[in-house]
Amino acid sequence: MQRTNIRIRGRVQGVGMRVRIKAAADEIGVRGTVENLDDGSVLVVCEAEQTKIENLVQQIRDHAEPAAITDILVEGGSPATGLGGFKIKFGDTNTEMLTAVFIGTEALRRIDKKQDKMLDKQDKMLEAQKEMNATMKSVDGKMDLSLENDTEILKVLRSMRGGDMLRIAG
């Protein structure tokens, strides 16, 4: 087991990065802390086997959205000191609260945009369905006419079987 520092740079603060890192670390079984630094980066100090740390770094890369990571610097190798669990180090309460409100607002905006796209697709499907219904109504009308013609033909054939037309022709 080793201790590793992971510094993440880019647009990584105010986007829920620390919460996602904690969730990934808990799932993988990595112990340590995550905090926002004054320079705008996020620092993860963690302890685990090398493969678990590599897995955590990969999870950070794969699940960064809506963050925009420009660089991940991994510095490791020092012996573990026995960190327990995985904790988020929070900053000023007012800043944390404003950040949480901002993150929630951004999430709602993304949901709203997706919902708008879904509604547009639904409108297109309803238009296509209206066209199909009109086509089916037209086909039904033609089938009704065809059935009426068939009924008339059957009447003529039945009357012919009765002998009137057949005697004249025969």
N, C-alpha and C. Protein backbone atom coordinates (compact mmCIF):
# COMPACT_ATOMS: atom_id res chain seq x y z
N MET A 1 0.85 -1.17 0.00
CA MET A 1 0.00 0.00 0.00
C MET A 1 0.89 1.23 0.00
N GLN A 2 0.47 2.23 -0.80
CA GLN A 2 1.27 3.44 -0.88
C GLN A 2 0.40 4.69 -0.78
N ARG A 3 1.06 5.79 -0.47
CA ARG A 3 0.38 7.09 -0.40
C ARG A 3 0.65 7.81 -1.71
N THR A 4 -0.40 8.42 -2.28
CA THR A 4 -0.28 9.10 -3.57
C THR A 4 -1.02 10.42 -3.53
N ASN A 5 -0.42 11.45 -4.15
CA ASN A 5 -1.09 12.73 -4.34
C ASN A 5 -1.52 12.83 -5.80
N ILE A 6 -2.77 13.19 -6.01
CA ILE A 6 -3.29 13.37 -7.37
C ILE A 6 -3.78 14.81 -7.46
N ARG A 7 -3.19 15.59 -8.35
CA ARG A 7 -3.61 16.98 -8.54
C ARG A 7 -4.31 17.08 -9.90
N ILE A 8 -5.52 17.62 -9.86
CA ILE A 8 -6.35 17.71 -11.06
C ILE A 8 -6.52 19.19 -11.41
N ARG A 9 -6.16 19.54 -12.65
CA ARG A 9 -6.23 20.93 -13.09
C ARG A 9 -7.24 21.07 -14.22
N GLY A 10 -7.71 22.29 -14.37
CA GLY A 10 -8.70 22.61 -15.40
C GLY A 10 -9.87 23.33 -14.75
N ARG A 11 -11.04 23.19 -15.37
CA ARG A 11 -12.27 23.73 -14.75
C ARG A 11 -12.82 22.60 -13.89
N VAL A 12 -12.29 22.52 -12.67
CA VAL A 12 -12.58 21.36 -11.81
C VAL A 12 -13.20 21.73 -10.47
N GLN A 13 -13.35 23.01 -10.22
CA GLN A 13 -14.01 23.42 -8.97
C GLN A 13 -15.39 23.96 -9.29
N GLY A 14 -16.31 23.71 -8.38
CA GLY A 14 -17.68 24.19 -8.57
C GLY A 14 -18.48 23.35 -9.54
N VAL A 15 -18.05 22.12 -9.77
CA VAL A 15 -18.74 21.24 -10.72
C VAL A 15 -19.03 19.86 -10.13
N GLY A 16 -18.88 19.73 -8.81
CA GLY A 16 -19.18 18.46 -8.16
C GLY A 16 -18.07 17.43 -8.23
N MET A 17 -16.88 17.88 -8.57
CA MET A 17 -15.74 16.96 -8.73
C MET A 17 -15.42 16.22 -7.44
N ARG A 18 -15.37 16.91 -6.31
CA ARG A 18 -14.99 16.25 -5.05
C ARG A 18 -15.98 15.15 -4.66
N VAL A 19 -17.26 15.42 -4.88
CA VAL A 19 -18.29 14.42 -4.53
C VAL A 19 -18.14 13.17 -5.40
N ARG A 20 -17.89 13.38 -6.71
CA ARG A 20 -17.71 12.22 -7.61
C ARG A 20 -16.45 11.44 -7.26
N ILE A 21 -15.38 12.15 -6.88
CA ILE A 21 -14.14 11.48 -6.50
C ILE A 21 -14.35 10.66 -5.23
N LYS A 22 -15.05 11.23 -4.25
CA LYS A 22 -15.32 10.49 -3.01
C LYS A 22 -16.14 9.23 -3.31
N ALA A 23 -17.17 9.36 -4.16
CA ALA A 23 -18.00 8.19 -4.49
C ALA A 23 -17.15 7.11 -5.16
N ALA A 24 -16.28 7.51 -6.08
CA ALA A 24 -15.41 6.53 -6.76
C ALA A 24 -14.44 5.90 -5.77
N ALA A 25 -13.84 6.71 -4.92
CA ALA A 25 -12.87 6.19 -3.93
C ALA A 25 -13.54 5.21 -2.99
N ASP A 26 -14.75 5.54 -2.52
CA ASP A 26 -15.48 4.63 -1.64
C ASP A 26 -15.77 3.30 -2.34
N GLU A 27 -16.16 3.39 -3.60
CA GLU A 27 -16.49 2.17 -4.37
C GLU A 27 -15.26 1.30 -4.59
N ILE A 28 -14.14 1.93 -4.88
CA ILE A 28 -12.91 1.19 -5.19
C ILE A 28 -12.21 0.69 -3.93
N GLY A 29 -12.40 1.42 -2.81
CA GLY A 29 -11.74 1.04 -1.57
C GLY A 29 -10.45 1.80 -1.35
N VAL A 30 -10.44 3.06 -1.77
CA VAL A 30 -9.28 3.93 -1.58
C VAL A 30 -9.57 4.84 -0.38
N ARG A 31 -8.57 5.02 0.49
CA ARG A 31 -8.71 5.90 1.65
C ARG A 31 -8.00 7.21 1.39
N GLY A 32 -8.51 8.30 2.01
CA GLY A 32 -7.83 9.57 1.86
C GLY A 32 -8.74 10.77 1.95
N THR A 33 -8.31 11.87 1.28
CA THR A 33 -9.06 13.12 1.30
C THR A 33 -9.06 13.75 -0.09
N VAL A 34 -10.02 14.64 -0.30
CA VAL A 34 -10.06 15.44 -1.53
C VAL A 34 -10.43 16.85 -1.12
N GLU A 35 -9.76 17.85 -1.73
CA GLU A 35 -10.05 19.24 -1.39
C GLU A 35 -9.77 20.15 -2.57
N ASN A 36 -10.46 21.29 -2.57
CA ASN A 36 -10.20 22.35 -3.54
C ASN A 36 -9.01 23.16 -3.04
N LEU A 37 -8.12 23.50 -3.95
CA LEU A 37 -6.97 24.34 -3.60
C LEU A 37 -7.19 25.76 -4.11
N ASP A 38 -6.48 26.71 -3.51
CA ASP A 38 -6.64 28.12 -3.87
C ASP A 38 -6.27 28.41 -5.32
N ASP A 39 -5.43 27.59 -5.94
CA ASP A 39 -5.02 27.82 -7.33
C ASP A 39 -6.06 27.32 -8.34
N GLY A 40 -7.20 26.81 -7.85
CA GLY A 40 -8.26 26.33 -8.74
C GLY A 40 -8.20 24.85 -9.05
N SER A 41 -7.19 24.17 -8.55
CA SER A 41 -7.07 22.73 -8.79
C SER A 41 -7.74 21.96 -7.65
N VAL A 42 -7.82 20.65 -7.83
CA VAL A 42 -8.34 19.75 -6.81
C VAL A 42 -7.22 18.80 -6.44
N LEU A 43 -7.04 18.58 -5.12
CA LEU A 43 -5.99 17.68 -4.65
C LEU A 43 -6.61 16.48 -3.96
N VAL A 44 -6.16 15.30 -4.39
CA VAL A 44 -6.56 14.05 -3.76
C VAL A 44 -5.31 13.49 -3.10
N VAL A 45 -5.39 13.23 -1.80
CA VAL A 45 -4.32 12.54 -1.08
C VAL A 45 -4.93 11.20 -0.70
N CYS A 46 -4.33 10.12 -1.22
CA CYS A 46 -4.98 8.82 -1.00
C CYS A 46 -3.96 7.72 -0.71
N GLU A 47 -4.50 6.63 -0.14
CA GLU A 47 -3.69 5.46 0.17
C GLU A 47 -4.43 4.21 -0.29
N ALA A 48 -3.71 3.39 -1.02
CA ALA A 48 -4.26 2.12 -1.50
C ALA A 48 -3.17 1.40 -2.28
N GLU A 49 -3.50 0.21 -2.77
CA GLU A 49 -2.59 -0.50 -3.65
C GLU A 49 -2.53 0.26 -4.98
N GLN A 50 -1.44 0.12 -5.69
CA GLN A 50 -1.20 0.83 -6.94
C GLN A 50 -2.35 0.64 -7.93
N THR A 51 -2.86 -0.58 -8.06
CA THR A 51 -3.93 -0.84 -9.03
C THR A 51 -5.21 -0.07 -8.67
N LYS A 52 -5.50 0.04 -7.38
CA LYS A 52 -6.69 0.79 -6.96
C LYS A 52 -6.52 2.29 -7.23
N ILE A 53 -5.31 2.79 -7.03
CA ILE A 53 -5.04 4.20 -7.30
C ILE A 53 -5.16 4.47 -8.80
N GLU A 54 -4.62 3.58 -9.61
CA GLU A 54 -4.75 3.72 -11.06
C GLU A 54 -6.22 3.69 -11.47
N ASN A 55 -7.00 2.82 -10.84
CA ASN A 55 -8.43 2.74 -11.13
C ASN A 55 -9.12 4.05 -10.76
N LEU A 56 -8.75 4.64 -9.62
CA LEU A 56 -9.34 5.91 -9.21
C LEU A 56 -9.01 7.01 -10.23
N VAL A 57 -7.77 7.08 -10.67
CA VAL A 57 -7.38 8.08 -11.67
C VAL A 57 -8.19 7.89 -12.94
N GLN A 58 -8.39 6.66 -13.36
CA GLN A 58 -9.18 6.38 -14.56
C GLN A 58 -10.64 6.80 -14.36
N GLN A 59 -11.19 6.54 -13.19
CA GLN A 59 -12.56 6.95 -12.88
C GLN A 59 -12.69 8.48 -12.93
N ILE A 60 -11.67 9.18 -12.43
CA ILE A 60 -11.68 10.64 -12.47
C ILE A 60 -11.71 11.11 -13.92
N ARG A 61 -10.89 10.50 -14.76
CA ARG A 61 -10.86 10.86 -16.18
C ARG A 61 -12.20 10.56 -16.87
N ASP A 62 -12.72 9.37 -16.61
CA ASP A 62 -13.92 8.89 -17.32
C ASP A 62 -15.21 9.59 -16.89
N HIS A 63 -15.25 10.08 -15.66
CA HIS A 63 -16.49 10.64 -15.12
C HIS A 63 -16.31 12.09 -14.70
N ALA A 64 -15.61 12.86 -15.50
CA ALA A 64 -15.30 14.25 -15.16
C ALA A 64 -16.45 15.21 -15.45
N GLU A 65 -17.27 14.93 -16.44
CA GLU A 65 -18.30 15.87 -16.87
C GLU A 65 -19.17 16.30 -15.70
N PRO A 66 -19.47 17.55 -15.52
CA PRO A 66 -19.27 18.67 -16.43
C PRO A 66 -17.93 19.39 -16.26
N ALA A 67 -17.02 18.83 -15.48
CA ALA A 67 -15.69 19.43 -15.35
C ALA A 67 -14.94 19.32 -16.68
N ALA A 68 -13.92 20.12 -16.83
CA ALA A 68 -13.06 20.07 -18.00
C ALA A 68 -11.62 19.93 -17.50
N ILE A 69 -11.14 18.70 -17.44
CA ILE A 69 -9.80 18.42 -16.92
C ILE A 69 -8.77 18.71 -18.00
N THR A 70 -7.75 19.49 -17.63
CA THR A 70 -6.66 19.74 -18.57
C THR A 70 -5.42 18.94 -18.22
N ASP A 71 -5.31 18.54 -16.93
CA ASP A 71 -4.11 17.83 -16.51
C ASP A 71 -4.38 17.08 -15.22
N ILE A 72 -3.82 15.87 -15.13
CA ILE A 72 -3.83 15.11 -13.88
C ILE A 72 -2.40 14.72 -13.58
N LEU A 73 -1.90 15.20 -12.45
CA LEU A 73 -0.53 14.91 -12.04
C LEU A 73 -0.59 13.92 -10.88
N VAL A 74 0.05 12.78 -11.04
CA VAL A 74 0.05 11.74 -10.01
C VAL A 74 1.46 11.63 -9.45
N GLU A 75 1.59 11.88 -8.14
CA GLU A 75 2.88 11.77 -7.45
C GLU A 75 2.71 10.76 -6.33
N GLY A 76 3.42 9.68 -6.41
CA GLY A 76 3.23 8.65 -5.40
C GLY A 76 4.52 7.99 -4.98
N GLY A 77 4.34 6.93 -4.26
CA GLY A 77 5.47 6.12 -3.88
C GLY A 77 5.82 6.16 -2.42
N SER A 78 5.37 7.18 -1.69
CA SER A 78 5.73 7.21 -0.26
C SER A 78 4.88 6.19 0.50
N PRO A 79 5.36 5.70 1.60
CA PRO A 79 4.62 4.69 2.36
C PRO A 79 3.31 5.24 2.92
N ALA A 80 2.34 4.38 3.04
CA ALA A 80 1.05 4.75 3.59
C ALA A 80 1.19 5.07 5.07
N THR A 81 0.35 6.01 5.54
CA THR A 81 0.40 6.40 6.95
C THR A 81 -0.84 5.95 7.72
N GLY A 82 -1.75 5.29 7.03
CA GLY A 82 -2.93 4.76 7.72
C GLY A 82 -4.13 5.70 7.72
N LEU A 83 -4.36 6.38 6.63
CA LEU A 83 -5.55 7.22 6.52
C LEU A 83 -6.79 6.33 6.66
N GLY A 84 -7.83 6.86 7.29
CA GLY A 84 -9.06 6.08 7.46
C GLY A 84 -10.18 6.65 6.62
N GLY A 85 -10.90 5.79 5.91
CA GLY A 85 -12.03 6.22 5.09
C GLY A 85 -11.62 7.18 4.00
N PHE A 86 -12.59 7.86 3.42
CA PHE A 86 -12.31 8.88 2.42
C PHE A 86 -13.20 10.07 2.73
N LYS A 87 -12.58 11.24 2.89
CA LYS A 87 -13.31 12.43 3.32
C LYS A 87 -13.11 13.58 2.36
N ILE A 88 -14.14 14.40 2.28
CA ILE A 88 -14.05 15.66 1.53
C ILE A 88 -13.66 16.75 2.53
N LYS A 89 -12.61 17.50 2.21
CA LYS A 89 -12.25 18.66 3.02
C LYS A 89 -13.00 19.86 2.44
N PHE A 90 -13.86 20.44 3.26
CA PHE A 90 -14.66 21.56 2.81
C PHE A 90 -14.00 22.88 3.17
N GLY A 91 -14.29 23.90 2.36
CA GLY A 91 -13.77 25.24 2.62
C GLY A 91 -14.79 26.06 3.38
N ASP A 92 -14.79 27.34 3.12
CA ASP A 92 -15.70 28.30 3.73
C ASP A 92 -17.16 27.87 3.49
N THR A 93 -17.97 27.89 4.54
CA THR A 93 -19.36 27.41 4.45
C THR A 93 -20.16 28.18 3.41
N ASN A 94 -20.03 29.49 3.36
CA ASN A 94 -20.79 30.28 2.38
C ASN A 94 -20.40 29.91 0.96
N THR A 95 -19.11 29.76 0.72
CA THR A 95 -18.64 29.39 -0.61
C THR A 95 -19.14 28.00 -0.98
N GLU A 96 -19.08 27.07 -0.04
CA GLU A 96 -19.55 25.71 -0.30
C GLU A 96 -21.05 25.70 -0.63
N MET A 97 -21.83 26.49 0.11
CA MET A 97 -23.27 26.54 -0.13
C MET A 97 -23.57 27.15 -1.50
N LEU A 98 -22.89 28.24 -1.84
CA LEU A 98 -23.10 28.85 -3.16
C LEU A 98 -22.70 27.90 -4.27
N THR A 99 -21.61 27.18 -4.06
CA THR A 99 -21.17 26.20 -5.05
C THR A 99 -22.21 25.11 -5.22
N ALA A 100 -22.77 24.62 -4.12
CA ALA A 100 -23.78 23.56 -4.20
C ALA A 100 -25.02 24.06 -4.95
N VAL A 101 -25.43 25.28 -4.69
CA VAL A 101 -26.59 25.86 -5.41
C VAL A 101 -26.27 25.96 -6.89
N PHE A 102 -25.07 26.43 -7.22
CA PHE A 102 -24.66 26.56 -8.62
C PHE A 102 -24.66 25.19 -9.32
N ILE A 103 -24.09 24.19 -8.67
CA ILE A 103 -24.04 22.84 -9.25
C ILE A 103 -25.45 22.32 -9.49
N GLY A 104 -26.34 22.52 -8.51
CA GLY A 104 -27.72 22.07 -8.67
C GLY A 104 -28.41 22.79 -9.81
N THR A 105 -28.19 24.09 -9.93
CA THR A 105 -28.79 24.88 -11.01
C THR A 105 -28.30 24.39 -12.37
N GLU A 106 -27.00 24.15 -12.48
CA GLU A 106 -26.44 23.66 -13.74
C GLU A 106 -27.01 22.29 -14.11
N ALA A 107 -27.17 21.43 -13.12
CA ALA A 107 -27.74 20.10 -13.37
C ALA A 107 -29.17 20.24 -13.88
N LEU A 108 -29.94 21.14 -13.29
CA LEU A 108 -31.31 21.36 -13.76
C LEU A 108 -31.34 21.91 -15.18
N ARG A 109 -30.39 22.78 -15.53
CA ARG A 109 -30.31 23.30 -16.90
C ARG A 109 -30.04 22.18 -17.90
N ARG A 110 -29.13 21.29 -17.54
CA ARG A 110 -28.82 20.17 -18.44
C ARG A 110 -30.04 19.28 -18.61
N ILE A 111 -30.75 19.02 -17.52
CA ILE A 111 -31.97 18.20 -17.59
C ILE A 111 -33.00 18.89 -18.48
N ASP A 112 -33.14 20.21 -18.32
CA ASP A 112 -34.11 20.97 -19.10
C ASP A 112 -33.79 20.90 -20.59
N LYS A 113 -32.51 21.02 -20.95
CA LYS A 113 -32.11 20.93 -22.35
C LYS A 113 -32.42 19.55 -22.92
N LYS A 114 -32.12 18.50 -22.14
CA LYS A 114 -32.41 17.14 -22.60
C LYS A 114 -33.91 16.94 -22.76
N GLN A 115 -34.68 17.51 -21.84
CA GLN A 115 -36.13 17.38 -21.91
C GLN A 115 -36.66 18.10 -23.16
N ASP A 116 -36.11 19.27 -23.47
CA ASP A 116 -36.53 20.00 -24.68
C ASP A 116 -36.27 19.16 -25.93
N LYS A 117 -35.10 18.52 -26.00
CA LYS A 117 -34.78 17.66 -27.15
C LYS A 117 -35.76 16.50 -27.24
N MET A 118 -36.08 15.92 -26.08
CA MET A 118 -37.01 14.80 -26.04
C MET A 118 -38.40 15.23 -26.53
N LEU A 119 -38.84 16.41 -26.11
CA LEU A 119 -40.15 16.91 -26.53
C LEU A 119 -40.17 17.20 -28.03
N ASP A 120 -39.07 17.72 -28.56
CA ASP A 120 -38.99 17.94 -30.01
C ASP A 120 -39.14 16.62 -30.77
N LYS A 121 -38.44 15.60 -30.31
CA LYS A 121 -38.55 14.29 -30.96
C LYS A 121 -39.97 13.74 -30.84
N GLN A 122 -40.57 13.95 -29.69
CA GLN A 122 -41.94 13.48 -29.49
C GLN A 122 -42.90 14.19 -30.44
N ASP A 123 -42.71 15.50 -30.65
CA ASP A 123 -43.55 16.25 -31.59
C ASP A 123 -43.41 15.69 -33.00
N LYS A 124 -42.18 15.36 -33.41
CA LYS A 124 -41.95 14.79 -34.74
C LYS A 124 -42.64 13.43 -34.87
N MET A 125 -42.57 12.64 -33.81
CA MET A 125 -43.22 11.33 -33.84
C MET A 125 -44.74 11.49 -33.95
N LEU A 126 -45.31 12.46 -33.26
CA LEU A 126 -46.75 12.69 -33.33
C LEU A 126 -47.17 13.14 -34.73
N GLU A 127 -46.36 13.95 -35.38
CA GLU A 127 -46.65 14.36 -36.76
C GLU A 127 -46.62 13.15 -37.70
N ALA A 128 -45.60 12.30 -37.52
CA ALA A 128 -45.51 11.08 -38.34
C ALA A 128 -46.72 10.19 -38.08
N GLN A 129 -47.15 10.11 -36.86
CA GLN A 129 -48.31 9.28 -36.51
C GLN A 129 -49.58 9.85 -37.15
N LYS A 130 -49.72 11.18 -37.18
CA LYS A 130 -50.88 11.80 -37.84
C LYS A 130 -50.89 11.46 -39.32
N GLU A 131 -49.72 11.52 -39.95
CA GLU A 131 -49.62 11.18 -41.37
C GLU A 131 -50.00 9.72 -41.60
N MET A 132 -49.53 8.84 -40.72
CA MET A 132 -49.88 7.42 -40.84
C MET A 132 -51.38 7.21 -40.67
N ASN A 133 -51.98 7.91 -39.73
CA ASN A 133 -53.42 7.79 -39.52
C ASN A 133 -54.20 8.24 -40.74
N ALA A 134 -53.76 9.35 -41.36
CA ALA A 134 -54.43 9.84 -42.57
C ALA A 134 -54.29 8.82 -43.70
N THR A 135 -53.10 8.24 -43.83
CA THR A 135 -52.89 7.22 -44.86
C THR A 135 -53.77 6.01 -44.60
N MET A 136 -53.85 5.57 -43.37
CA MET A 136 -54.69 4.41 -43.02
C MET A 136 -56.16 4.71 -43.29
N LYS A 137 -56.60 5.93 -43.03
CA LYS A 137 -57.99 6.31 -43.29
C LYS A 137 -58.28 6.23 -44.78
N SER A 138 -57.32 6.70 -45.57
CA SER A 138 -57.47 6.63 -47.03
C SER A 138 -57.53 5.18 -47.50
N VAL A 139 -56.64 4.35 -46.94
CA VAL A 139 -56.63 2.93 -47.31
C VAL A 139 -57.94 2.27 -46.89
N ASP A 140 -58.44 2.61 -45.71
CA ASP A 140 -59.73 2.06 -45.26
C ASP A 140 -60.85 2.43 -46.22
N GLY A 141 -60.86 3.69 -46.68
CA GLY A 141 -61.90 4.13 -47.63
C GLY A 141 -61.82 3.35 -48.92
N LYS A 142 -60.61 3.14 -49.42
CA LYS A 142 -60.44 2.38 -50.67
C LYS A 142 -60.85 0.93 -50.48
N MET A 143 -60.55 0.38 -49.32
CA MET A 143 -60.95 -1.01 -49.05
C MET A 143 -62.48 -1.11 -48.97
N ASP A 144 -63.14 -0.11 -48.37
CA ASP A 144 -64.60 -0.10 -48.31
C ASP A 144 -65.19 -0.08 -49.71
N LEU A 145 -64.63 0.77 -50.60
CA LEU A 145 -65.11 0.81 -51.99
C LEU A 145 -64.90 -0.52 -52.68
N SER A 146 -63.73 -1.11 -52.43
CA SER A 146 -63.43 -2.40 -53.04
C SER A 146 -64.40 -3.46 -52.55
N LEU A 147 -64.73 -3.45 -51.27
CA LEU A 147 -65.69 -4.41 -50.73
C LEU A 147 -67.08 -4.20 -51.31
N GLU A 148 -67.47 -2.94 -51.50
CA GLU A 148 -68.76 -2.66 -52.13
C GLU A 148 -68.78 -3.21 -53.55
N ASN A 149 -67.68 -3.00 -54.31
CA ASN A 149 -67.59 -3.55 -55.68
C ASN A 149 -67.65 -5.07 -55.65
N ASP A 150 -66.94 -5.67 -54.69
CA ASP A 150 -66.94 -7.13 -54.57
C ASP A 150 -68.35 -7.63 -54.27
N THR A 151 -69.07 -6.91 -53.44
CA THR A 151 -70.45 -7.29 -53.10
C THR A 151 -71.32 -7.25 -54.35
N GLU A 152 -71.16 -6.23 -55.16
CA GLU A 152 -71.93 -6.13 -56.41
C GLU A 152 -71.58 -7.27 -57.36
N ILE A 153 -70.29 -7.59 -57.46
CA ILE A 153 -69.85 -8.69 -58.33
C ILE A 153 -70.45 -9.99 -57.84
N LEU A 154 -70.46 -10.22 -56.52
CA LEU A 154 -71.03 -11.45 -55.96
C LEU A 154 -72.53 -11.55 -56.26
N LYS A 155 -73.24 -10.43 -56.21
CA LYS A 155 -74.67 -10.44 -56.53
C LYS A 155 -74.88 -10.87 -57.98
N VAL A 156 -74.07 -10.32 -58.85
CA VAL A 156 -74.18 -10.67 -60.28
C VAL A 156 -73.88 -12.15 -60.48
N LEU A 157 -72.82 -12.64 -59.84
CA LEU A 157 -72.45 -14.05 -59.99
C LEU A 157 -73.54 -14.96 -59.43
N ARG A 158 -74.14 -14.60 -58.32
CA ARG A 158 -75.22 -15.41 -57.74
C ARG A 158 -76.43 -15.45 -58.69
N SER A 159 -76.71 -14.29 -59.26
CA SER A 159 -77.86 -14.28 -60.16
C SER A 159 -77.56 -15.09 -61.42
N MET A 160 -76.30 -15.14 -61.82
CA MET A 160 -75.92 -15.94 -62.99
C MET A 160 -76.03 -17.43 -62.67
N ARG A 161 -75.73 -17.80 -61.46
CA ARG A 161 -75.82 -19.18 -61.06
C ARG A 161 -77.28 -19.64 -61.07
N GLY A 162 -78.16 -18.69 -60.87
CA GLY A 162 -79.58 -19.02 -60.88
C GLY A 162 -80.06 -19.40 -62.27
N GLY A 163 -79.31 -19.13 -63.29
CA GLY A 163 -79.66 -19.60 -64.61
C GLY A 163 -80.08 -18.55 -65.60
N ASP A 164 -80.49 -17.36 -65.14
CA ASP A 164 -80.99 -16.36 -66.07
C ASP A 164 -79.95 -15.97 -67.10
N MET A 165 -78.81 -15.59 -66.68
CA MET A 165 -77.76 -15.13 -67.60
C MET A 165 -77.13 -16.30 -68.33
N LEU A 166 -77.03 -17.43 -67.65
CA LEU A 166 -76.36 -18.57 -68.26
C LEU A 166 -77.19 -19.11 -69.44
N ARG A 167 -78.52 -19.08 -69.37
CA ARG A 167 -79.37 -19.59 -70.46
C ARG A 167 -79.21 -18.73 -71.70
N ILE A 168 -79.09 -17.44 -71.47
CA ILE A 168 -78.96 -16.54 -72.62
C ILE A 168 -77.62 -16.80 -73.29
N ALA A 169 -76.60 -16.92 -72.49
CA ALA A 169 -75.26 -17.13 -73.05
C ALA A 169 -75.13 -18.52 -73.62
N GLY A 170 -75.75 -19.51 -73.04
CA GLY A 170 -75.57 -20.89 -73.46
C GLY A 170 -76.48 -21.25 -74.54
